[in-house]
């Protein structure tokens, strides 16, 4: 288990500067992402809000305890996007391990890390079984600075102060040299927004993470989920679904992000929820998100 850490900032000047960035970036959060080409879809947003209301999540939305993003990537060149609280950054437990994997594949591409069978199996255990031991080992191999540089790079902007942050890994998942830095805006050790999580999986669907070859390999690593809960459990009743995902859980914090393929449709779902029953809710949520993109889910019993 991983404890949520809120660490103090390193300098008053840094905090003041970043607060200016936040105030200017969150008032009119417009582009859903640059390199992914996601376009906000008003009709899909309306369906998403109806689903949120039907699941009695309006209060959680108001308290900024719940966030969700949905992307229709059936047409990969013109992905349609909708989100609620999508730039609210929250503690995301193990979901930001996707950032470790991305940085690792970038190091492989650059020749700084050999993609041996042992490294591939380590990545598989991180993605499919959320191994904390392997995640910490990978962090030590790659380096916190390389992970942060990947997330904040102009290529990805998966952590972007102008969009109130995003994916962040400022602490490993146990073991020696576990601590590094909190995210500059919210002082979270392992943080995410649903917007940037959705962008990650959309870029994955478009083969735009690292390069085409590495993106497809990363997709395989994220396939065959080994933990049966949240989105995976919620889609149990839908035959023929393929899921590439990473989830996170610690105490009341629940997170899930996935690329889902079904019957010629492809979509990305991402959700963060701080609630004791958050895992159960995400099971219900994904059924509704699936229906928005693919129509009413069919039960195995039908």
C-alpha atoms as a PDB file:
ATOM      1  CA  UNK A   1       0.000   0.000   0.000  1.00  0.00           C
ATOM      2  CA  UNK A   2       1.157   3.533  -0.754  1.00  0.00           C
ATOM      3  CA  UNK A   3       0.545   6.429   1.545  1.00  0.00           C
ATOM      4  CA  UNK A   4      -0.643   9.725   0.114  1.00  0.00           C
ATOM      5  CA  UNK A   5       2.004  12.371   0.662  1.00  0.00           C
ATOM      6  CA  UNK A   6       1.534  16.125   0.513  1.00  0.00           C
ATOM      7  CA  UNK A   7       4.977  17.652   0.737  1.00  0.00           C
ATOM      8  CA  UNK A   8       5.864  21.273   1.326  1.00  0.00           C
ATOM      9  CA  UNK A   9       7.038  23.401  -1.604  1.00  0.00           C
ATOM     10  CA  UNK A  10      10.659  24.264  -1.881  1.00  0.00           C
ATOM     11  CA  UNK A  11      10.473  28.016  -2.218  1.00  0.00           C
ATOM     12  CA  UNK A  12       7.955  30.791  -1.761  1.00  0.00           C
ATOM     13  CA  UNK A  13       8.975  32.276  -5.089  1.00  0.00           C
ATOM     14  CA  UNK A  14       8.213  29.031  -6.907  1.00  0.00           C
ATOM     15  CA  UNK A  15       4.806  28.779  -5.264  1.00  0.00           C
ATOM     16  CA  UNK A  16       3.884  32.361  -6.138  1.00  0.00           C
ATOM     17  CA  UNK A  17       4.913  31.916  -9.766  1.00  0.00           C
ATOM     18  CA  UNK A  18       3.003  28.693 -10.118  1.00  0.00           C
ATOM     19  CA  UNK A  19      -0.096  30.122  -8.500  1.00  0.00           C
ATOM     20  CA  UNK A  20      -0.114  32.757 -11.222  1.00  0.00           C
ATOM     21  CA  UNK A  21       0.057  29.975 -13.798  1.00  0.00           C
ATOM     22  CA  UNK A  22      -2.835  28.126 -12.162  1.00  0.00           C
ATOM     23  CA  UNK A  23      -5.069  31.178 -11.983  1.00  0.00           C
ATOM     24  CA  UNK A  24      -4.455  31.931 -15.640  1.00  0.00           C
ATOM     25  CA  UNK A  25      -4.725  28.326 -16.805  1.00  0.00           C
ATOM     26  CA  UNK A  26      -7.837  26.975 -15.152  1.00  0.00           C
ATOM     27  CA  UNK A  27     -10.336  29.754 -15.773  1.00  0.00           C
ATOM     28  CA  UNK A  28     -10.872  28.835 -19.420  1.00  0.00           C
ATOM     29  CA  UNK A  29      -9.399  25.408 -19.913  1.00  0.00           C
ATOM     30  CA  UNK A  30     -10.093  25.081 -23.608  1.00  0.00           C
ATOM     31  CA  UNK A  31      -7.866  22.748 -25.644  1.00  0.00           C
ATOM     32  CA  UNK A  32      -8.287  19.165 -24.477  1.00  0.00           C
ATOM     33  CA  UNK A  33      -4.781  18.390 -25.684  1.00  0.00           C
ATOM     34  CA  UNK A  34      -2.441  19.477 -28.409  1.00  0.00           C
ATOM     35  CA  UNK A  35      -0.771  16.436 -29.958  1.00  0.00           C
ATOM     36  CA  UNK A  36      -3.782  14.165 -29.433  1.00  0.00           C
ATOM     37  CA  UNK A  37      -6.134  16.441 -31.402  1.00  0.00           C
ATOM     38  CA  UNK A  38      -9.015  15.823 -28.990  1.00  0.00           C
ATOM     39  CA  UNK A  39     -12.003  18.049 -29.714  1.00  0.00           C
ATOM     40  CA  UNK A  40     -14.615  18.814 -27.067  1.00  0.00           C
ATOM     41  CA  UNK A  41     -18.045  17.462 -28.011  1.00  0.00           C
ATOM     42  CA  UNK A  42     -21.065  19.234 -26.520  1.00  0.00           C
ATOM     43  CA  UNK A  43     -23.513  16.404 -27.155  1.00  0.00           C
ATOM     44  CA  UNK A  44     -21.238  13.862 -25.511  1.00  0.00           C
ATOM     45  CA  UNK A  45     -20.702  16.243 -22.598  1.00  0.00           C
ATOM     46  CA  UNK A  46     -24.474  16.394 -22.113  1.00  0.00           C
ATOM     47  CA  UNK A  47     -24.719  12.591 -22.009  1.00  0.00           C
ATOM     48  CA  UNK A  48     -21.833  12.469 -19.556  1.00  0.00           C
ATOM     49  CA  UNK A  49     -23.492  14.992 -17.244  1.00  0.00           C
ATOM     50  CA  UNK A  50     -26.740  12.990 -17.400  1.00  0.00           C
ATOM     51  CA  UNK A  51     -24.839   9.854 -16.374  1.00  0.00           C
ATOM     52  CA  UNK A  52     -23.120  11.667 -13.507  1.00  0.00           C
ATOM     53  CA  UNK A  53     -26.508  12.883 -12.267  1.00  0.00           C
ATOM     54  CA  UNK A  54     -28.077   9.425 -12.598  1.00  0.00           C
ATOM     55  CA  UNK A  55     -25.286   7.959 -10.456  1.00  0.00           C
ATOM     56  CA  UNK A  56     -25.936  10.605  -7.762  1.00  0.00           C
ATOM     57  CA  UNK A  57     -22.476  12.122  -8.173  1.00  0.00           C
ATOM     58  CA  UNK A  58     -23.464  15.790  -8.389  1.00  0.00           C
ATOM     59  CA  UNK A  59     -22.385  16.409  -4.790  1.00  0.00           C
ATOM     60  CA  UNK A  60     -19.018  14.747  -5.334  1.00  0.00           C
ATOM     61  CA  UNK A  61     -18.530  16.871  -8.442  1.00  0.00           C
ATOM     62  CA  UNK A  62     -19.335  20.024  -6.485  1.00  0.00           C
ATOM     63  CA  UNK A  63     -16.854  19.047  -3.730  1.00  0.00           C
ATOM     64  CA  UNK A  64     -14.235  18.188  -6.389  1.00  0.00           C
ATOM     65  CA  UNK A  65     -14.015  14.637  -5.118  1.00  0.00           C
ATOM     66  CA  UNK A  66     -14.950  13.098  -8.474  1.00  0.00           C
ATOM     67  CA  UNK A  67     -13.657  13.610 -12.011  1.00  0.00           C
ATOM     68  CA  UNK A  68     -14.247  11.810 -15.283  1.00  0.00           C
ATOM     69  CA  UNK A  69     -13.127  12.027 -18.914  1.00  0.00           C
ATOM     70  CA  UNK A  70     -14.414  10.175 -21.959  1.00  0.00           C
ATOM     71  CA  UNK A  71     -12.905  10.093 -25.464  1.00  0.00           C
ATOM     72  CA  UNK A  72     -14.358   8.450 -28.560  1.00  0.00           C
ATOM     73  CA  UNK A  73     -11.276   7.378 -30.524  1.00  0.00           C
ATOM     74  CA  UNK A  74     -13.118   5.226 -33.066  1.00  0.00           C
ATOM     75  CA  UNK A  75     -11.878   7.800 -35.588  1.00  0.00           C
ATOM     76  CA  UNK A  76      -8.346   8.114 -34.239  1.00  0.00           C
ATOM     77  CA  UNK A  77      -7.616  11.215 -36.288  1.00  0.00           C
ATOM     78  CA  UNK A  78     -10.648  13.077 -34.906  1.00  0.00           C
ATOM     79  CA  UNK A  79     -11.182  11.983 -31.284  1.00  0.00           C
ATOM     80  CA  UNK A  80     -14.265  13.442 -29.580  1.00  0.00           C
ATOM     81  CA  UNK A  81     -13.867  14.444 -25.929  1.00  0.00           C
ATOM     82  CA  UNK A  82     -15.982  15.252 -22.885  1.00  0.00           C
ATOM     83  CA  UNK A  83     -15.020  15.710 -19.245  1.00  0.00           C
ATOM     84  CA  UNK A  84     -16.338  16.749 -15.838  1.00  0.00           C
ATOM     85  CA  UNK A  85     -13.853  18.216 -13.334  1.00  0.00           C
ATOM     86  CA  UNK A  86     -11.228  17.019 -15.785  1.00  0.00           C
ATOM     87  CA  UNK A  87      -8.517  19.440 -14.666  1.00  0.00           C
ATOM     88  CA  UNK A  88      -9.022  18.791 -10.943  1.00  0.00           C
ATOM     89  CA  UNK A  89      -5.792  17.132  -9.820  1.00  0.00           C
ATOM     90  CA  UNK A  90      -6.237  14.411  -7.225  1.00  0.00           C
ATOM     91  CA  UNK A  91      -4.216  11.745  -5.468  1.00  0.00           C
ATOM     92  CA  UNK A  92      -4.218   8.792  -7.873  1.00  0.00           C
ATOM     93  CA  UNK A  93      -2.304   6.028  -6.042  1.00  0.00           C
ATOM     94  CA  UNK A  94      -0.885   3.602  -8.623  1.00  0.00           C
ATOM     95  CA  UNK A  95      -2.444   5.063 -11.771  1.00  0.00           C
ATOM     96  CA  UNK A  96       0.611   7.346 -12.370  1.00  0.00           C
ATOM     97  CA  UNK A  97       2.732   4.219 -12.843  1.00  0.00           C
ATOM     98  CA  UNK A  98       1.821   4.738 -16.514  1.00  0.00           C
ATOM     99  CA  UNK A  99       4.242   7.682 -16.376  1.00  0.00           C
ATOM    100  CA  UNK A 100       7.032   5.360 -15.211  1.00  0.00           C
ATOM    101  CA  UNK A 101       6.301   3.038 -18.142  1.00  0.00           C
ATOM    102  CA  UNK A 102       6.226   5.909 -20.649  1.00  0.00           C
ATOM    103  CA  UNK A 103       9.539   7.312 -19.406  1.00  0.00           C
ATOM    104  CA  UNK A 104      10.992   3.809 -19.475  1.00  0.00           C
ATOM    105  CA  UNK A 105      10.072   3.318 -23.127  1.00  0.00           C
ATOM    106  CA  UNK A 106      11.498   6.743 -23.948  1.00  0.00           C
ATOM    107  CA  UNK A 107      14.771   5.606 -22.358  1.00  0.00           C
ATOM    108  CA  UNK A 108      14.638   2.413 -24.444  1.00  0.00           C
ATOM    109  CA  UNK A 109      14.158   4.464 -27.616  1.00  0.00           C
ATOM    110  CA  UNK A 110      17.126   6.668 -26.704  1.00  0.00           C
ATOM    111  CA  UNK A 111      19.339   3.639 -26.042  1.00  0.00           C
ATOM    112  CA  UNK A 112      19.731   4.449 -22.349  1.00  0.00           C
ATOM    113  CA  UNK A 113      17.834   1.325 -21.244  1.00  0.00           C
ATOM    114  CA  UNK A 114      17.979  -2.149 -22.777  1.00  0.00           C
ATOM    115  CA  UNK A 115      14.570  -3.718 -23.341  1.00  0.00           C
ATOM    116  CA  UNK A 116      15.512  -7.170 -22.153  1.00  0.00           C
ATOM    117  CA  UNK A 117      12.972  -9.932 -21.396  1.00  0.00           C
ATOM    118  CA  UNK A 118      13.516  -9.140 -17.716  1.00  0.00           C
ATOM    119  CA  UNK A 119      12.660  -5.465 -18.215  1.00  0.00           C
ATOM    120  CA  UNK A 120       9.591  -6.393 -20.259  1.00  0.00           C
ATOM    121  CA  UNK A 121       8.352  -8.707 -17.496  1.00  0.00           C
ATOM    122  CA  UNK A 122       9.023  -5.974 -14.923  1.00  0.00           C
ATOM    123  CA  UNK A 123       6.907  -3.554 -16.977  1.00  0.00           C
ATOM    124  CA  UNK A 124       4.183  -6.206 -17.314  1.00  0.00           C
ATOM    125  CA  UNK A 125       4.018  -6.666 -13.542  1.00  0.00           C
ATOM    126  CA  UNK A 126       3.833  -2.904 -13.025  1.00  0.00           C
ATOM    127  CA  UNK A 127       0.975  -2.504 -15.512  1.00  0.00           C
ATOM    128  CA  UNK A 128      -1.043  -5.647 -14.950  1.00  0.00           C
ATOM    129  CA  UNK A 129      -0.555  -6.388 -11.256  1.00  0.00           C
ATOM    130  CA  UNK A 130       0.527  -2.925 -10.043  1.00  0.00           C
ATOM    131  CA  UNK A 131       3.679  -4.299  -8.437  1.00  0.00           C
ATOM    132  CA  UNK A 132       5.038  -1.689  -6.050  1.00  0.00           C
ATOM    133  CA  UNK A 133       8.395  -3.473  -5.832  1.00  0.00           C
ATOM    134  CA  UNK A 134       8.838  -3.385  -9.606  1.00  0.00           C
ATOM    135  CA  UNK A 135       7.582   0.191  -9.867  1.00  0.00           C
ATOM    136  CA  UNK A 136      10.204   1.359  -7.354  1.00  0.00           C
ATOM    137  CA  UNK A 137      12.893  -0.658  -9.133  1.00  0.00           C
ATOM    138  CA  UNK A 138      11.909   0.952 -12.444  1.00  0.00           C
ATOM    139  CA  UNK A 139      11.994   4.426 -10.889  1.00  0.00           C
ATOM    140  CA  UNK A 140      15.549   3.797  -9.690  1.00  0.00           C
ATOM    141  CA  UNK A 141      16.570   2.519 -13.140  1.00  0.00           C
ATOM    142  CA  UNK A 142      14.996   5.422 -15.044  1.00  0.00           C
ATOM    143  CA  UNK A 143      15.367   8.273 -12.544  1.00  0.00           C
ATOM    144  CA  UNK A 144      12.794  10.675 -11.120  1.00  0.00           C
ATOM    145  CA  UNK A 145      14.251  13.510 -13.179  1.00  0.00           C
ATOM    146  CA  UNK A 146      13.805  11.589 -16.437  1.00  0.00           C
ATOM    147  CA  UNK A 147      10.197  10.728 -15.537  1.00  0.00           C
ATOM    148  CA  UNK A 148       9.401  14.368 -14.750  1.00  0.00           C
ATOM    149  CA  UNK A 149      11.185  15.562 -17.891  1.00  0.00           C
ATOM    150  CA  UNK A 150       9.075  13.186 -19.985  1.00  0.00           C
ATOM    151  CA  UNK A 151       5.814  14.329 -18.384  1.00  0.00           C
ATOM    152  CA  UNK A 152       6.593  18.046 -18.729  1.00  0.00           C
ATOM    153  CA  UNK A 153       8.185  17.834 -22.192  1.00  0.00           C
ATOM    154  CA  UNK A 154       6.743  19.786 -25.109  1.00  0.00           C
ATOM    155  CA  UNK A 155       6.194  16.422 -26.803  1.00  0.00           C
ATOM    156  CA  UNK A 156       3.663  15.291 -24.182  1.00  0.00           C
ATOM    157  CA  UNK A 157       2.725  18.019 -21.660  1.00  0.00           C
ATOM    158  CA  UNK A 158       1.131  15.333 -19.498  1.00  0.00           C
ATOM    159  CA  UNK A 159       1.956  17.573 -16.541  1.00  0.00           C
ATOM    160  CA  UNK A 160       1.128  21.124 -17.582  1.00  0.00           C
ATOM    161  CA  UNK A 161       0.732  24.051 -15.139  1.00  0.00           C
ATOM    162  CA  UNK A 162      -1.510  25.770 -17.691  1.00  0.00           C
ATOM    163  CA  UNK A 163      -3.933  22.833 -17.319  1.00  0.00           C
ATOM    164  CA  UNK A 164      -3.621  22.668 -13.501  1.00  0.00           C
ATOM    165  CA  UNK A 165      -1.051  19.861 -13.510  1.00  0.00           C
ATOM    166  CA  UNK A 166      -1.704  16.281 -14.566  1.00  0.00           C
ATOM    167  CA  UNK A 167       0.272  13.074 -14.187  1.00  0.00           C
ATOM    168  CA  UNK A 168       3.040  13.173 -11.572  1.00  0.00           C
ATOM    169  CA  UNK A 169       5.394  10.727  -9.866  1.00  0.00           C
ATOM    170  CA  UNK A 170       7.232  12.423  -7.008  1.00  0.00           C
ATOM    171  CA  UNK A 171       7.713   9.350  -4.861  1.00  0.00           C
ATOM    172  CA  UNK A 172       8.482   5.725  -5.583  1.00  0.00           C
ATOM    173  CA  UNK A 173       6.322   2.926  -4.217  1.00  0.00           C
ATOM    174  CA  UNK A 174       8.442   1.809  -1.273  1.00  0.00           C
ATOM    175  CA  UNK A 175      12.092   0.905  -0.749  1.00  0.00           C
ATOM    176  CA  UNK A 176      15.295   2.977  -0.519  1.00  0.00           C
ATOM    177  CA  UNK A 177      15.445   6.539  -1.864  1.00  0.00           C
ATOM    178  CA  UNK A 178      11.659   6.544  -2.031  1.00  0.00           C
ATOM    179  CA  UNK A 179      11.071  10.320  -1.908  1.00  0.00           C
ATOM    180  CA  UNK A 180      11.836  12.915  -4.547  1.00  0.00           C
ATOM    181  CA  UNK A 181       9.602  15.986  -5.066  1.00  0.00           C
ATOM    182  CA  UNK A 182       5.884  16.736  -4.826  1.00  0.00           C
ATOM    183  CA  UNK A 183       4.123  18.157  -7.815  1.00  0.00           C
ATOM    184  CA  UNK A 184       4.686  21.941  -7.792  1.00  0.00           C
ATOM    185  CA  UNK A 185       1.018  22.956  -7.809  1.00  0.00           C
ATOM    186  CA  UNK A 186      -0.764  20.651  -5.374  1.00  0.00           C
ATOM    187  CA  UNK A 187       2.098  18.961  -3.480  1.00  0.00           C
ATOM    188  CA  UNK A 188       0.960  15.444  -4.359  1.00  0.00           C
ATOM    189  CA  UNK A 189       3.300  12.462  -4.439  1.00  0.00           C
ATOM    190  CA  UNK A 190       1.290  10.486  -7.012  1.00  0.00           C
ATOM    191  CA  UNK A 191      -1.168  12.699  -8.846  1.00  0.00           C
ATOM    192  CA  UNK A 192      -3.341  12.828 -11.942  1.00  0.00           C
ATOM    193  CA  UNK A 193      -6.129  14.652 -13.701  1.00  0.00           C
ATOM    194  CA  UNK A 194      -8.596  12.757 -15.842  1.00  0.00           C
ATOM    195  CA  UNK A 195      -7.798  15.084 -18.744  1.00  0.00           C
ATOM    196  CA  UNK A 196      -4.128  14.102 -18.861  1.00  0.00           C
ATOM    197  CA  UNK A 197      -4.886  10.446 -18.140  1.00  0.00           C
ATOM    198  CA  UNK A 198      -7.308  10.499 -21.075  1.00  0.00           C
ATOM    199  CA  UNK A 199      -4.676  12.185 -23.256  1.00  0.00           C
ATOM    200  CA  UNK A 200      -2.173   9.443 -22.382  1.00  0.00           C
ATOM    201  CA  UNK A 201      -4.548   6.669 -23.466  1.00  0.00           C
ATOM    202  CA  UNK A 202      -5.677   8.625 -26.543  1.00  0.00           C
ATOM    203  CA  UNK A 203      -2.061   9.018 -27.656  1.00  0.00           C
ATOM    204  CA  UNK A 204      -1.667   5.290 -27.003  1.00  0.00           C
ATOM    205  CA  UNK A 205      -4.614   4.593 -29.312  1.00  0.00           C
ATOM    206  CA  UNK A 206      -3.026   6.824 -31.963  1.00  0.00           C
ATOM    207  CA  UNK A 207       0.410   5.117 -31.709  1.00  0.00           C
ATOM    208  CA  UNK A 208       1.868   8.484 -30.660  1.00  0.00           C
ATOM    209  CA  UNK A 209       3.579   7.508 -27.403  1.00  0.00           C
ATOM    210  CA  UNK A 210       7.366   7.353 -27.946  1.00  0.00           C
ATOM    211  CA  UNK A 211       7.130   6.037 -31.541  1.00  0.00           C
ATOM    212  CA  UNK A 212       4.831   3.663 -33.396  1.00  0.00           C
ATOM    213  CA  UNK A 213       6.734   0.507 -32.444  1.00  0.00           C
ATOM    214  CA  UNK A 214       7.154   1.433 -28.787  1.00  0.00           C
ATOM    215  CA  UNK A 215       3.575   2.677 -28.533  1.00  0.00           C
ATOM    216  CA  UNK A 216       2.278  -0.678 -29.704  1.00  0.00           C
ATOM    217  CA  UNK A 217       4.551  -2.500 -27.277  1.00  0.00           C
ATOM    218  CA  UNK A 218       3.350  -0.286 -24.416  1.00  0.00           C
ATOM    219  CA  UNK A 219      -0.213  -1.076 -25.423  1.00  0.00           C
ATOM    220  CA  UNK A 220       0.498  -4.794 -25.092  1.00  0.00           C
ATOM    221  CA  UNK A 221       2.083  -4.239 -21.692  1.00  0.00           C
ATOM    222  CA  UNK A 222      -1.121  -2.511 -20.553  1.00  0.00           C
ATOM    223  CA  UNK A 223      -3.274  -5.354 -21.865  1.00  0.00           C
ATOM    224  CA  UNK A 224      -4.471  -8.454 -20.008  1.00  0.00           C
ATOM    225  CA  UNK A 225      -5.279  -6.696 -16.692  1.00  0.00           C
ATOM    226  CA  UNK A 226      -4.424  -8.861 -13.699  1.00  0.00           C
ATOM    227  CA  UNK A 227      -6.544  -7.000 -11.124  1.00  0.00           C
ATOM    228  CA  UNK A 228     -10.248  -7.647 -11.424  1.00  0.00           C
ATOM    229  CA  UNK A 229     -12.040  -4.550 -10.141  1.00  0.00           C
ATOM    230  CA  UNK A 230     -13.342  -1.118 -11.166  1.00  0.00           C
ATOM    231  CA  UNK A 231     -13.546  -0.781 -14.981  1.00  0.00           C
ATOM    232  CA  UNK A 232     -12.558  -4.401 -15.611  1.00  0.00           C
ATOM    233  CA  UNK A 233     -15.204  -5.812 -13.285  1.00  0.00           C
ATOM    234  CA  UNK A 234     -17.823  -3.388 -14.554  1.00  0.00           C
ATOM    235  CA  UNK A 235     -17.408  -4.666 -18.125  1.00  0.00           C
ATOM    236  CA  UNK A 236     -17.528  -8.345 -17.153  1.00  0.00           C
ATOM    237  CA  UNK A 237     -21.012  -8.665 -18.621  1.00  0.00           C
ATOM    238  CA  UNK A 238     -19.909  -7.392 -22.053  1.00  0.00           C
ATOM    239  CA  UNK A 239     -18.492 -10.206 -24.200  1.00  0.00           C
ATOM    240  CA  UNK A 240     -15.751  -9.363 -26.662  1.00  0.00           C
ATOM    241  CA  UNK A 241     -14.353  -6.331 -24.816  1.00  0.00           C
ATOM    242  CA  UNK A 242     -10.594  -5.713 -24.918  1.00  0.00           C
ATOM    243  CA  UNK A 243      -9.168  -3.468 -22.186  1.00  0.00           C
ATOM    244  CA  UNK A 244      -5.770  -1.791 -21.875  1.00  0.00           C
ATOM    245  CA  UNK A 245      -5.693  -0.158 -18.460  1.00  0.00           C
ATOM    246  CA  UNK A 246      -4.037   0.978 -15.263  1.00  0.00           C
ATOM    247  CA  UNK A 247      -5.868   1.526 -11.999  1.00  0.00           C
ATOM    248  CA  UNK A 248      -4.964   2.828  -8.562  1.00  0.00           C
ATOM    249  CA  UNK A 249      -6.285   2.342  -5.044  1.00  0.00           C
ATOM    250  CA  UNK A 250      -5.306   3.584  -1.612  1.00  0.00           C
ATOM    251  CA  UNK A 251      -7.808   3.898   1.244  1.00  0.00           C
ATOM    252  CA  UNK A 252     -10.622   6.144  -0.104  1.00  0.00           C
ATOM    253  CA  UNK A 253      -8.797   7.125  -3.308  1.00  0.00           C
ATOM    254  CA  UNK A 254      -9.822   5.222  -6.433  1.00  0.00           C
ATOM    255  CA  UNK A 255      -8.541   5.737  -9.974  1.00  0.00           C
ATOM    256  CA  UNK A 256      -8.855   3.991 -13.302  1.00  0.00           C
ATOM    257  CA  UNK A 257      -7.852   4.773 -16.865  1.00  0.00           C
ATOM    258  CA  UNK A 258      -8.272   2.610 -19.936  1.00  0.00           C
ATOM    259  CA  UNK A 259      -8.407   2.254 -23.690  1.00  0.00           C
ATOM    260  CA  UNK A 260     -11.352  -0.017 -24.494  1.00  0.00           C
ATOM    261  CA  UNK A 261     -12.133  -1.728 -27.797  1.00  0.00           C
ATOM    262  CA  UNK A 262     -15.494  -3.293 -28.576  1.00  0.00           C
ATOM    263  CA  UNK A 263     -17.335  -4.248 -31.762  1.00  0.00           C
ATOM    264  CA  UNK A 264     -15.484  -1.780 -33.990  1.00  0.00           C
ATOM    265  CA  UNK A 265     -15.650   1.047 -31.421  1.00  0.00           C
ATOM    266  CA  UNK A 266     -12.704   2.382 -29.429  1.00  0.00           C
ATOM    267  CA  UNK A 267     -12.897   4.730 -26.480  1.00  0.00           C
ATOM    268  CA  UNK A 268     -10.859   6.032 -23.573  1.00  0.00           C
ATOM    269  CA  UNK A 269     -12.254   6.359 -20.060  1.00  0.00           C
ATOM    270  CA  UNK A 270     -10.595   7.922 -17.029  1.00  0.00           C
ATOM    271  CA  UNK A 271     -12.008   8.523 -13.554  1.00  0.00           C
ATOM    272  CA  UNK A 272     -10.820   9.662 -10.126  1.00  0.00           C
ATOM    273  CA  UNK A 273     -12.982   9.362  -7.024  1.00  0.00           C
ATOM    274  CA  UNK A 274     -12.287  10.008  -3.359  1.00  0.00           C
ATOM    275  CA  UNK A 275     -14.901   7.964  -1.556  1.00  0.00           C
ATOM    276  CA  UNK A 276     -15.004   4.802   0.543  1.00  0.00           C
ATOM    277  CA  UNK A 277     -17.258   3.170  -2.069  1.00  0.00           C
ATOM    278  CA  UNK A 278     -15.345   4.554  -5.024  1.00  0.00           C
ATOM    279  CA  UNK A 279     -14.348   1.189  -6.445  1.00  0.00           C
ATOM    280  CA  UNK A 280     -17.953  -0.002  -6.657  1.00  0.00           C
ATOM    281  CA  UNK A 281     -19.033   3.280  -8.207  1.00  0.00           C
ATOM    282  CA  UNK A 282     -16.412   3.001 -10.950  1.00  0.00           C
ATOM    283  CA  UNK A 283     -17.871  -0.394 -11.861  1.00  0.00           C
ATOM    284  CA  UNK A 284     -21.228   1.304 -12.506  1.00  0.00           C
ATOM    285  CA  UNK A 285     -19.641   4.319 -14.164  1.00  0.00           C
ATOM    286  CA  UNK A 286     -17.860   2.340 -16.857  1.00  0.00           C
ATOM    287  CA  UNK A 287     -21.114   0.605 -17.836  1.00  0.00           C
ATOM    288  CA  UNK A 288     -22.660   4.023 -18.464  1.00  0.00           C
ATOM    289  CA  UNK A 289     -19.591   5.314 -20.313  1.00  0.00           C
ATOM    290  CA  UNK A 290     -19.597   2.197 -22.478  1.00  0.00           C
ATOM    291  CA  UNK A 291     -23.267   2.797 -23.335  1.00  0.00           C
ATOM    292  CA  UNK A 292     -22.559   6.399 -24.402  1.00  0.00           C
ATOM    293  CA  UNK A 293     -20.017   5.225 -27.001  1.00  0.00           C
ATOM    294  CA  UNK A 294     -21.194   1.730 -27.915  1.00  0.00           C
ATOM    295  CA  UNK A 295     -24.865   1.663 -27.049  1.00  0.00           C
ATOM    296  CA  UNK A 296     -26.495  -0.473 -24.362  1.00  0.00           C
ATOM    297  CA  UNK A 297     -24.137  -3.154 -23.088  1.00  0.00           C
ATOM    298  CA  UNK A 298     -25.215  -6.706 -23.814  1.00  0.00           C
ATOM    299  CA  UNK A 299     -25.091  -9.222 -20.993  1.00  0.00           C
ATOM    300  CA  UNK A 300     -23.369 -12.579 -21.371  1.00  0.00           C
ATOM    301  CA  UNK A 301     -26.720 -14.071 -20.398  1.00  0.00           C
ATOM    302  CA  UNK A 302     -28.479 -12.619 -23.449  1.00  0.00           C
END
